[in-house]
mmCIF file of all heavy atoms, coordinates in Angstrom:
data_MODEL
# 
_entry.id   MODEL 
# 
loop_
_atom_site.group_PDB 
_atom_site.id 
_atom_site.type_symbol 
_atom_site.label_atom_id 
_atom_site.label_alt_id 
_atom_site.label_comp_id 
_atom_site.label_asym_id 
_atom_site.label_entity_id 
_atom_site.label_seq_id 
_atom_site.pdbx_PDB_ins_code 
_atom_site.Cartn_x 
_atom_site.Cartn_y 
_atom_site.Cartn_z 
_atom_site.occupancy 
_atom_site.B_iso_or_equiv 
_atom_site.pdbx_formal_charge 
_atom_site.auth_seq_id 
_atom_site.auth_comp_id 
_atom_site.auth_asym_id 
_atom_site.auth_atom_id 
_atom_site.pdbx_PDB_model_num 
ATOM 1   N N   . LEU A 1 1  ? 140.417 130.965 89.364  1.00 0.00 ? 1  LEU A N   1 
ATOM 2   C CA  . LEU A 1 1  ? 140.874 130.291 90.578  1.00 0.00 ? 1  LEU A CA  1 
ATOM 3   C C   . LEU A 1 1  ? 141.516 128.943 90.271  1.00 0.00 ? 1  LEU A C   1 
ATOM 4   O O   . LEU A 1 1  ? 142.391 128.488 91.004  1.00 0.00 ? 1  LEU A O   1 
ATOM 5   C CB  . LEU A 1 1  ? 139.716 130.115 91.560  1.00 0.00 ? 1  LEU A CB  1 
ATOM 6   C CG  . LEU A 1 1  ? 139.214 131.410 92.200  1.00 0.00 ? 1  LEU A CG  1 
ATOM 7   C CD1 . LEU A 1 1  ? 137.990 131.129 93.057  1.00 0.00 ? 1  LEU A CD1 1 
ATOM 8   C CD2 . LEU A 1 1  ? 140.302 132.079 93.021  1.00 0.00 ? 1  LEU A CD2 1 
ATOM 9   N N   . LEU A 1 2  ? 141.084 128.309 89.203  1.00 0.00 ? 2  LEU A N   1 
ATOM 10  C CA  . LEU A 1 2  ? 141.656 127.014 88.838  1.00 0.00 ? 2  LEU A CA  1 
ATOM 11  C C   . LEU A 1 2  ? 142.989 127.152 88.112  1.00 0.00 ? 2  LEU A C   1 
ATOM 12  O O   . LEU A 1 2  ? 143.840 126.289 88.198  1.00 0.00 ? 2  LEU A O   1 
ATOM 13  C CB  . LEU A 1 2  ? 140.678 126.233 87.961  1.00 0.00 ? 2  LEU A CB  1 
ATOM 14  C CG  . LEU A 1 2  ? 139.445 125.729 88.671  1.00 0.00 ? 2  LEU A CG  1 
ATOM 15  C CD1 . LEU A 1 2  ? 138.496 125.075 87.687  1.00 0.00 ? 2  LEU A CD1 1 
ATOM 16  C CD2 . LEU A 1 2  ? 139.819 124.755 89.774  1.00 0.00 ? 2  LEU A CD2 1 
ATOM 17  N N   . ILE A 1 3  ? 143.169 128.229 87.390  1.00 0.00 ? 3  ILE A N   1 
ATOM 18  C CA  . ILE A 1 3  ? 144.349 128.354 86.550  1.00 0.00 ? 3  ILE A CA  1 
ATOM 19  C C   . ILE A 1 3  ? 145.446 129.208 87.177  1.00 0.00 ? 3  ILE A C   1 
ATOM 20  O O   . ILE A 1 3  ? 146.619 128.865 87.102  1.00 0.00 ? 3  ILE A O   1 
ATOM 21  C CB  . ILE A 1 3  ? 143.949 128.922 85.169  1.00 0.00 ? 3  ILE A CB  1 
ATOM 22  C CG1 . ILE A 1 3  ? 143.135 127.874 84.433  1.00 0.00 ? 3  ILE A CG1 1 
ATOM 23  C CG2 . ILE A 1 3  ? 145.160 129.334 84.372  1.00 0.00 ? 3  ILE A CG2 1 
ATOM 24  C CD1 . ILE A 1 3  ? 142.560 128.359 83.142  1.00 0.00 ? 3  ILE A CD1 1 
ATOM 25  N N   . TYR A 1 4  ? 145.093 130.302 87.781  1.00 0.00 ? 4  TYR A N   1 
ATOM 26  C CA  . TYR A 1 4  ? 146.078 131.285 88.206  1.00 0.00 ? 4  TYR A CA  1 
ATOM 27  C C   . TYR A 1 4  ? 147.219 130.711 89.054  1.00 0.00 ? 4  TYR A C   1 
ATOM 28  O O   . TYR A 1 4  ? 148.384 130.904 88.729  1.00 0.00 ? 4  TYR A O   1 
ATOM 29  C CB  . TYR A 1 4  ? 145.408 132.448 88.935  1.00 0.00 ? 4  TYR A CB  1 
ATOM 30  C CG  . TYR A 1 4  ? 146.404 133.408 89.510  1.00 0.00 ? 4  TYR A CG  1 
ATOM 31  C CD1 . TYR A 1 4  ? 147.170 134.218 88.685  1.00 0.00 ? 4  TYR A CD1 1 
ATOM 32  C CD2 . TYR A 1 4  ? 146.627 133.472 90.874  1.00 0.00 ? 4  TYR A CD2 1 
ATOM 33  C CE1 . TYR A 1 4  ? 148.117 135.082 89.199  1.00 0.00 ? 4  TYR A CE1 1 
ATOM 34  C CE2 . TYR A 1 4  ? 147.572 134.331 91.396  1.00 0.00 ? 4  TYR A CE2 1 
ATOM 35  C CZ  . TYR A 1 4  ? 148.299 135.125 90.553  1.00 0.00 ? 4  TYR A CZ  1 
ATOM 36  O OH  . TYR A 1 4  ? 149.232 135.963 91.066  1.00 0.00 ? 4  TYR A OH  1 
ATOM 37  N N   . PRO A 1 5  ? 146.925 130.001 90.130  1.00 0.00 ? 5  PRO A N   1 
ATOM 38  C CA  . PRO A 1 5  ? 148.053 129.613 90.991  1.00 0.00 ? 5  PRO A CA  1 
ATOM 39  C C   . PRO A 1 5  ? 148.718 128.284 90.616  1.00 0.00 ? 5  PRO A C   1 
ATOM 40  O O   . PRO A 1 5  ? 149.099 127.521 91.480  1.00 0.00 ? 5  PRO A O   1 
ATOM 41  C CB  . PRO A 1 5  ? 147.403 129.522 92.369  1.00 0.00 ? 5  PRO A CB  1 
ATOM 42  C CG  . PRO A 1 5  ? 146.018 129.078 92.091  1.00 0.00 ? 5  PRO A CG  1 
ATOM 43  C CD  . PRO A 1 5  ? 145.659 129.673 90.755  1.00 0.00 ? 5  PRO A CD  1 
ATOM 44  N N   . THR A 1 6  ? 148.877 127.981 89.325  1.00 0.00 ? 6  THR A N   1 
ATOM 45  C CA  . THR A 1 6  ? 149.529 126.733 88.937  1.00 0.00 ? 6  THR A CA  1 
ATOM 46  C C   . THR A 1 6  ? 151.036 126.897 89.049  1.00 0.00 ? 6  THR A C   1 
ATOM 47  O O   . THR A 1 6  ? 151.642 127.717 88.360  1.00 0.00 ? 6  THR A O   1 
ATOM 48  C CB  . THR A 1 6  ? 149.130 126.326 87.508  1.00 0.00 ? 6  THR A CB  1 
ATOM 49  O OG1 . THR A 1 6  ? 147.713 126.177 87.459  1.00 0.00 ? 6  THR A OG1 1 
ATOM 50  C CG2 . THR A 1 6  ? 149.788 125.023 87.102  1.00 0.00 ? 6  THR A CG2 1 
ATOM 51  N N   . LYS A 1 7  ? 151.631 126.106 89.951  1.00 0.00 ? 7  LYS A N   1 
ATOM 52  C CA  . LYS A 1 7  ? 153.080 126.171 90.145  1.00 0.00 ? 7  LYS A CA  1 
ATOM 53  C C   . LYS A 1 7  ? 153.575 124.867 90.744  1.00 0.00 ? 7  LYS A C   1 
ATOM 54  O O   . LYS A 1 7  ? 152.789 124.058 91.259  1.00 0.00 ? 7  LYS A O   1 
ATOM 55  C CB  . LYS A 1 7  ? 153.465 127.346 91.031  1.00 0.00 ? 7  LYS A CB  1 
ATOM 56  C CG  . LYS A 1 7  ? 152.845 127.346 92.407  1.00 0.00 ? 7  LYS A CG  1 
ATOM 57  C CD  . LYS A 1 7  ? 153.176 128.637 93.134  1.00 0.00 ? 7  LYS A CD  1 
ATOM 58  C CE  . LYS A 1 7  ? 152.348 128.773 94.387  1.00 0.00 ? 7  LYS A CE  1 
ATOM 59  N NZ  . LYS A 1 7  ? 152.563 130.060 95.024  1.00 0.00 ? 7  LYS A NZ  1 
ATOM 60  N N   . TYR A 1 8  ? 154.876 124.689 90.667  1.00 0.00 ? 8  TYR A N   1 
ATOM 61  C CA  . TYR A 1 8  ? 155.533 123.472 91.132  1.00 0.00 ? 8  TYR A CA  1 
ATOM 62  C C   . TYR A 1 8  ? 156.646 123.897 92.083  1.00 0.00 ? 8  TYR A C   1 
ATOM 63  O O   . TYR A 1 8  ? 157.466 124.743 91.730  1.00 0.00 ? 8  TYR A O   1 
ATOM 64  C CB  . TYR A 1 8  ? 156.092 122.686 89.942  1.00 0.00 ? 8  TYR A CB  1 
ATOM 65  C CG  . TYR A 1 8  ? 155.118 122.694 88.780  1.00 0.00 ? 8  TYR A CG  1 
ATOM 66  C CD1 . TYR A 1 8  ? 155.364 123.478 87.660  1.00 0.00 ? 8  TYR A CD1 1 
ATOM 67  C CD2 . TYR A 1 8  ? 153.937 121.974 88.841  1.00 0.00 ? 8  TYR A CD2 1 
ATOM 68  C CE1 . TYR A 1 8  ? 154.453 123.523 86.617  1.00 0.00 ? 8  TYR A CE1 1 
ATOM 69  C CE2 . TYR A 1 8  ? 153.026 122.013 87.800  1.00 0.00 ? 8  TYR A CE2 1 
ATOM 70  C CZ  . TYR A 1 8  ? 153.294 122.798 86.693  1.00 0.00 ? 8  TYR A CZ  1 
ATOM 71  O OH  . TYR A 1 8  ? 152.393 122.849 85.668  1.00 0.00 ? 8  TYR A OH  1 
ATOM 72  N N   . ILE A 1 9  ? 156.660 123.317 93.271  1.00 0.00 ? 9  ILE A N   1 
ATOM 73  C CA  . ILE A 1 9  ? 157.585 123.743 94.315  1.00 0.00 ? 9  ILE A CA  1 
ATOM 74  C C   . ILE A 1 9  ? 158.447 122.557 94.732  1.00 0.00 ? 9  ILE A C   1 
ATOM 75  O O   . ILE A 1 9  ? 157.913 121.496 95.086  1.00 0.00 ? 9  ILE A O   1 
ATOM 76  C CB  . ILE A 1 9  ? 156.814 124.277 95.547  1.00 0.00 ? 9  ILE A CB  1 
ATOM 77  C CG1 . ILE A 1 9  ? 155.881 125.415 95.120  1.00 0.00 ? 9  ILE A CG1 1 
ATOM 78  C CG2 . ILE A 1 9  ? 157.776 124.713 96.637  1.00 0.00 ? 9  ILE A CG2 1 
ATOM 79  C CD1 . ILE A 1 9  ? 154.802 125.743 96.121  1.00 0.00 ? 9  ILE A CD1 1 
ATOM 80  N N   . ILE A 1 10 ? 159.757 122.741 94.664  1.00 0.00 ? 10 ILE A N   1 
ATOM 81  C CA  . ILE A 1 10 ? 160.671 121.732 95.192  1.00 0.00 ? 10 ILE A CA  1 
ATOM 82  C C   . ILE A 1 10 ? 160.999 122.152 96.611  1.00 0.00 ? 10 ILE A C   1 
ATOM 83  O O   . ILE A 1 10 ? 161.578 123.212 96.842  1.00 0.00 ? 10 ILE A O   1 
ATOM 84  C CB  . ILE A 1 10 ? 161.945 121.622 94.319  1.00 0.00 ? 10 ILE A CB  1 
ATOM 85  C CG1 . ILE A 1 10 ? 161.570 121.125 92.932  1.00 0.00 ? 10 ILE A CG1 1 
ATOM 86  C CG2 . ILE A 1 10 ? 162.961 120.701 94.991  1.00 0.00 ? 10 ILE A CG2 1 
ATOM 87  C CD1 . ILE A 1 10 ? 162.732 121.058 91.953  1.00 0.00 ? 10 ILE A CD1 1 
ATOM 88  N N   . ASP A 1 11 ? 160.580 121.313 97.560  1.00 0.00 ? 11 ASP A N   1 
ATOM 89  C CA  . ASP A 1 11 ? 160.736 121.604 98.977  1.00 0.00 ? 11 ASP A CA  1 
ATOM 90  C C   . ASP A 1 11 ? 161.444 120.419 99.631  1.00 0.00 ? 11 ASP A C   1 
ATOM 91  O O   . ASP A 1 11 ? 160.805 119.428 99.972  1.00 0.00 ? 11 ASP A O   1 
ATOM 92  C CB  . ASP A 1 11 ? 159.377 121.853 99.621  1.00 0.00 ? 11 ASP A CB  1 
ATOM 93  C CG  . ASP A 1 11 ? 159.472 122.186 101.104 1.00 0.00 ? 11 ASP A CG  1 
ATOM 94  O OD1 . ASP A 1 11 ? 160.564 122.585 101.551 1.00 0.00 ? 11 ASP A OD1 1 
ATOM 95  O OD2 . ASP A 1 11 ? 158.456 122.031 101.809 1.00 0.00 ? 11 ASP A OD2 1 
ATOM 96  N N   . GLY A 1 12 ? 162.771 120.521 99.758  1.00 0.00 ? 12 GLY A N   1 
ATOM 97  C CA  . GLY A 1 12 ? 163.534 119.410 100.316 1.00 0.00 ? 12 GLY A CA  1 
ATOM 98  C C   . GLY A 1 12 ? 163.455 118.216 99.378  1.00 0.00 ? 12 GLY A C   1 
ATOM 99  O O   . GLY A 1 12 ? 163.825 118.290 98.216  1.00 0.00 ? 12 GLY A O   1 
ATOM 100 N N   . ASP A 1 13 ? 162.920 117.087 99.875  1.00 0.00 ? 13 ASP A N   1 
ATOM 101 C CA  . ASP A 1 13 ? 162.782 115.874 99.064  1.00 0.00 ? 13 ASP A CA  1 
ATOM 102 C C   . ASP A 1 13 ? 161.377 115.755 98.480  1.00 0.00 ? 13 ASP A C   1 
ATOM 103 O O   . ASP A 1 13 ? 160.983 114.698 98.002  1.00 0.00 ? 13 ASP A O   1 
ATOM 104 C CB  . ASP A 1 13 ? 163.087 114.632 99.921  1.00 0.00 ? 13 ASP A CB  1 
ATOM 105 C CG  . ASP A 1 13 ? 163.026 113.350 99.103  1.00 0.00 ? 13 ASP A CG  1 
ATOM 106 O OD1 . ASP A 1 13 ? 163.606 113.331 97.997  1.00 0.00 ? 13 ASP A OD1 1 
ATOM 107 O OD2 . ASP A 1 13 ? 162.372 112.393 99.539  1.00 0.00 ? 13 ASP A OD2 1 
ATOM 108 N N   . ASN A 1 14 ? 160.614 116.819 98.503  1.00 0.00 ? 14 ASN A N   1 
ATOM 109 C CA  . ASN A 1 14 ? 159.243 116.753 97.996  1.00 0.00 ? 14 ASN A CA  1 
ATOM 110 C C   . ASN A 1 14 ? 159.034 117.698 96.822  1.00 0.00 ? 14 ASN A C   1 
ATOM 111 O O   . ASN A 1 14 ? 159.566 118.802 96.798  1.00 0.00 ? 14 ASN A O   1 
ATOM 112 C CB  . ASN A 1 14 ? 158.240 117.115 99.094  1.00 0.00 ? 14 ASN A CB  1 
ATOM 113 C CG  . ASN A 1 14 ? 158.185 116.064 100.167 1.00 0.00 ? 14 ASN A CG  1 
ATOM 114 O OD1 . ASN A 1 14 ? 157.947 114.909 99.891  1.00 0.00 ? 14 ASN A OD1 1 
ATOM 115 N ND2 . ASN A 1 14 ? 158.452 116.468 101.406 1.00 0.00 ? 14 ASN A ND2 1 
ATOM 116 N N   . LEU A 1 15 ? 158.226 117.230 95.881  1.00 0.00 ? 15 LEU A N   1 
ATOM 117 C CA  . LEU A 1 15 ? 157.750 118.064 94.792  1.00 0.00 ? 15 LEU A CA  1 
ATOM 118 C C   . LEU A 1 15 ? 156.282 118.341 95.089  1.00 0.00 ? 15 LEU A C   1 
ATOM 119 O O   . LEU A 1 15 ? 155.471 117.414 95.186  1.00 0.00 ? 15 LEU A O   1 
ATOM 120 C CB  . LEU A 1 15 ? 157.895 117.345 93.447  1.00 0.00 ? 15 LEU A CB  1 
ATOM 121 C CG  . LEU A 1 15 ? 157.228 118.026 92.257  1.00 0.00 ? 15 LEU A CG  1 
ATOM 122 C CD1 . LEU A 1 15 ? 157.810 119.421 92.028  1.00 0.00 ? 15 LEU A CD1 1 
ATOM 123 C CD2 . LEU A 1 15 ? 157.372 117.167 91.017  1.00 0.00 ? 15 LEU A CD2 1 
ATOM 124 N N   . LEU A 1 16 ? 155.959 119.617 95.300  1.00 0.00 ? 16 LEU A N   1 
ATOM 125 C CA  . LEU A 1 16 ? 154.587 120.016 95.566  1.00 0.00 ? 16 LEU A CA  1 
ATOM 126 C C   . LEU A 1 16 ? 154.019 120.607 94.294  1.00 0.00 ? 16 LEU A C   1 
ATOM 127 O O   . LEU A 1 16 ? 154.625 121.494 93.689  1.00 0.00 ? 16 LEU A O   1 
ATOM 128 C CB  . LEU A 1 16 ? 154.535 121.049 96.694  1.00 0.00 ? 16 LEU A CB  1 
ATOM 129 C CG  . LEU A 1 16 ? 155.275 120.677 97.978  1.00 0.00 ? 16 LEU A CG  1 
ATOM 130 C CD1 . LEU A 1 16 ? 155.338 121.866 98.921  1.00 0.00 ? 16 LEU A CD1 1 
ATOM 131 C CD2 . LEU A 1 16 ? 154.606 119.506 98.639  1.00 0.00 ? 16 LEU A CD2 1 
ATOM 132 N N   . ILE A 1 17 ? 152.865 120.114 93.891  1.00 0.00 ? 17 ILE A N   1 
ATOM 133 C CA  . ILE A 1 17 ? 152.212 120.590 92.677  1.00 0.00 ? 17 ILE A CA  1 
ATOM 134 C C   . ILE A 1 17 ? 150.936 121.288 93.097  1.00 0.00 ? 17 ILE A C   1 
ATOM 135 O O   . ILE A 1 17 ? 150.091 120.694 93.776  1.00 0.00 ? 17 ILE A O   1 
ATOM 136 C CB  . ILE A 1 17 ? 151.925 119.424 91.721  1.00 0.00 ? 17 ILE A CB  1 
ATOM 137 C CG1 . ILE A 1 17 ? 153.248 118.761 91.339  1.00 0.00 ? 17 ILE A CG1 1 
ATOM 138 C CG2 . ILE A 1 17 ? 151.162 119.909 90.498  1.00 0.00 ? 17 ILE A CG2 1 
ATOM 139 C CD1 . ILE A 1 17 ? 153.092 117.454 90.614  1.00 0.00 ? 17 ILE A CD1 1 
ATOM 140 N N   . ARG A 1 18 ? 150.805 122.547 92.703  1.00 0.00 ? 18 ARG A N   1 
ATOM 141 C CA  . ARG A 1 18 ? 149.624 123.324 93.076  1.00 0.00 ? 18 ARG A CA  1 
ATOM 142 C C   . ARG A 1 18 ? 148.952 123.848 91.812  1.00 0.00 ? 18 ARG A C   1 
ATOM 143 O O   . ARG A 1 18 ? 149.578 124.496 90.987  1.00 0.00 ? 18 ARG A O   1 
ATOM 144 C CB  . ARG A 1 18 ? 150.012 124.492 93.967  1.00 0.00 ? 18 ARG A CB  1 
ATOM 145 C CG  . ARG A 1 18 ? 148.807 125.288 94.388  1.00 0.00 ? 18 ARG A CG  1 
ATOM 146 C CD  . ARG A 1 18 ? 149.128 126.283 95.467  1.00 0.00 ? 18 ARG A CD  1 
ATOM 147 N NE  . ARG A 1 18 ? 147.883 126.947 95.824  1.00 0.00 ? 18 ARG A NE  1 
ATOM 148 C CZ  . ARG A 1 18 ? 147.768 128.244 95.989  1.00 0.00 ? 18 ARG A CZ  1 
ATOM 149 N NH1 . ARG A 1 18 ? 148.813 129.010 95.877  1.00 0.00 ? 18 ARG A NH1 1 
ATOM 150 N NH2 . ARG A 1 18 ? 146.609 128.766 96.296  1.00 0.00 ? 18 ARG A NH2 1 
ATOM 151 N N   . CYS A 1 19 ? 147.686 123.524 91.679  1.00 0.00 ? 19 CYS A N   1 
ATOM 152 C CA  . CYS A 1 19 ? 146.893 123.980 90.538  1.00 0.00 ? 19 CYS A CA  1 
ATOM 153 C C   . CYS A 1 19 ? 145.492 124.273 91.048  1.00 0.00 ? 19 CYS A C   1 
ATOM 154 O O   . CYS A 1 19 ? 144.711 123.354 91.293  1.00 0.00 ? 19 CYS A O   1 
ATOM 155 C CB  . CYS A 1 19 ? 146.859 122.926 89.442  1.00 0.00 ? 19 CYS A CB  1 
ATOM 156 S SG  . CYS A 1 19 ? 145.918 123.438 88.003  1.00 0.00 ? 19 CYS A SG  1 
ATOM 157 N N   . GLY A 1 20 ? 145.204 125.553 91.249  1.00 0.00 ? 20 GLY A N   1 
ATOM 158 C CA  . GLY A 1 20 ? 143.908 125.910 91.803  1.00 0.00 ? 20 GLY A CA  1 
ATOM 159 C C   . GLY A 1 20 ? 143.755 125.342 93.198  1.00 0.00 ? 20 GLY A C   1 
ATOM 160 O O   . GLY A 1 20 ? 144.608 125.530 94.056  1.00 0.00 ? 20 GLY A O   1 
ATOM 161 N N   . PHE A 1 21 ? 142.685 124.596 93.403  1.00 0.00 ? 21 PHE A N   1 
ATOM 162 C CA  . PHE A 1 21 ? 142.436 123.997 94.715  1.00 0.00 ? 21 PHE A CA  1 
ATOM 163 C C   . PHE A 1 21 ? 143.118 122.643 94.862  1.00 0.00 ? 21 PHE A C   1 
ATOM 164 O O   . PHE A 1 21 ? 143.118 122.051 95.927  1.00 0.00 ? 21 PHE A O   1 
ATOM 165 C CB  . PHE A 1 21 ? 140.930 123.833 94.943  1.00 0.00 ? 21 PHE A CB  1 
ATOM 166 C CG  . PHE A 1 21 ? 140.199 125.150 94.907  1.00 0.00 ? 21 PHE A CG  1 
ATOM 167 C CD1 . PHE A 1 21 ? 139.263 125.416 93.917  1.00 0.00 ? 21 PHE A CD1 1 
ATOM 168 C CD2 . PHE A 1 21 ? 140.457 126.125 95.840  1.00 0.00 ? 21 PHE A CD2 1 
ATOM 169 C CE1 . PHE A 1 21 ? 138.597 126.625 93.880  1.00 0.00 ? 21 PHE A CE1 1 
ATOM 170 C CE2 . PHE A 1 21 ? 139.799 127.338 95.818  1.00 0.00 ? 21 PHE A CE2 1 
ATOM 171 C CZ  . PHE A 1 21 ? 138.867 127.587 94.825  1.00 0.00 ? 21 PHE A CZ  1 
ATOM 172 N N   . GLN A 1 22 ? 143.680 122.127 93.779  1.00 0.00 ? 22 GLN A N   1 
ATOM 173 C CA  . GLN A 1 22 ? 144.331 120.821 93.798  1.00 0.00 ? 22 GLN A CA  1 
ATOM 174 C C   . GLN A 1 22 ? 145.772 120.960 94.272  1.00 0.00 ? 22 GLN A C   1 
ATOM 175 O O   . GLN A 1 22 ? 146.504 121.835 93.830  1.00 0.00 ? 22 GLN A O   1 
ATOM 176 C CB  . GLN A 1 22 ? 144.300 120.221 92.394  1.00 0.00 ? 22 GLN A CB  1 
ATOM 177 C CG  . GLN A 1 22 ? 145.006 118.903 92.281  1.00 0.00 ? 22 GLN A CG  1 
ATOM 178 C CD  . GLN A 1 22 ? 145.076 118.417 90.839  1.00 0.00 ? 22 GLN A CD  1 
ATOM 179 O OE1 . GLN A 1 22 ? 144.595 119.058 89.917  1.00 0.00 ? 22 GLN A OE1 1 
ATOM 180 N NE2 . GLN A 1 22 ? 145.695 117.275 90.646  1.00 0.00 ? 22 GLN A NE2 1 
ATOM 181 N N   . ARG A 1 23 ? 146.149 120.069 95.180  1.00 0.00 ? 23 ARG A N   1 
ATOM 182 C CA  . ARG A 1 23 ? 147.530 120.028 95.653  1.00 0.00 ? 23 ARG A CA  1 
ATOM 183 C C   . ARG A 1 23 ? 147.981 118.577 95.683  1.00 0.00 ? 23 ARG A C   1 
ATOM 184 O O   . ARG A 1 23 ? 147.239 117.708 96.112  1.00 0.00 ? 23 ARG A O   1 
ATOM 185 C CB  . ARG A 1 23 ? 147.643 120.631 97.050  1.00 0.00 ? 23 ARG A CB  1 
ATOM 186 C CG  . ARG A 1 23 ? 147.489 122.138 97.030  1.00 0.00 ? 23 ARG A CG  1 
ATOM 187 C CD  . ARG A 1 23 ? 147.462 122.710 98.432  1.00 0.00 ? 23 ARG A CD  1 
ATOM 188 N NE  . ARG A 1 23 ? 147.426 124.136 98.455  1.00 0.00 ? 23 ARG A NE  1 
ATOM 189 C CZ  . ARG A 1 23 ? 146.392 124.893 98.114  1.00 0.00 ? 23 ARG A CZ  1 
ATOM 190 N NH1 . ARG A 1 23 ? 145.289 124.343 97.679  1.00 0.00 ? 23 ARG A NH1 1 
ATOM 191 N NH2 . ARG A 1 23 ? 146.445 126.200 98.185  1.00 0.00 ? 23 ARG A NH2 1 
ATOM 192 N N   . LYS A 1 24 ? 149.198 118.336 95.212  1.00 0.00 ? 24 LYS A N   1 
ATOM 193 C CA  . LYS A 1 24 ? 149.737 116.981 95.218  1.00 0.00 ? 24 LYS A CA  1 
ATOM 194 C C   . LYS A 1 24 ? 151.176 117.037 95.686  1.00 0.00 ? 24 LYS A C   1 
ATOM 195 O O   . LYS A 1 24 ? 151.919 117.948 95.330  1.00 0.00 ? 24 LYS A O   1 
ATOM 196 C CB  . LYS A 1 24 ? 149.652 116.388 93.814  1.00 0.00 ? 24 LYS A CB  1 
ATOM 197 C CG  . LYS A 1 24 ? 150.121 114.944 93.745  1.00 0.00 ? 24 LYS A CG  1 
ATOM 198 C CD  . LYS A 1 24 ? 149.627 114.294 92.481  1.00 0.00 ? 24 LYS A CD  1 
ATOM 199 C CE  . LYS A 1 24 ? 149.993 112.842 92.426  1.00 0.00 ? 24 LYS A CE  1 
ATOM 200 N NZ  . LYS A 1 24 ? 149.173 111.982 93.232  1.00 0.00 ? 24 LYS A NZ  1 
# 
């Protein structure tokens, strides 16, 4: 659960970082 969904999303002017339950 911590490793599988690690991805980086460019959404308009935002960079969304998703790693497990962590989101930035």
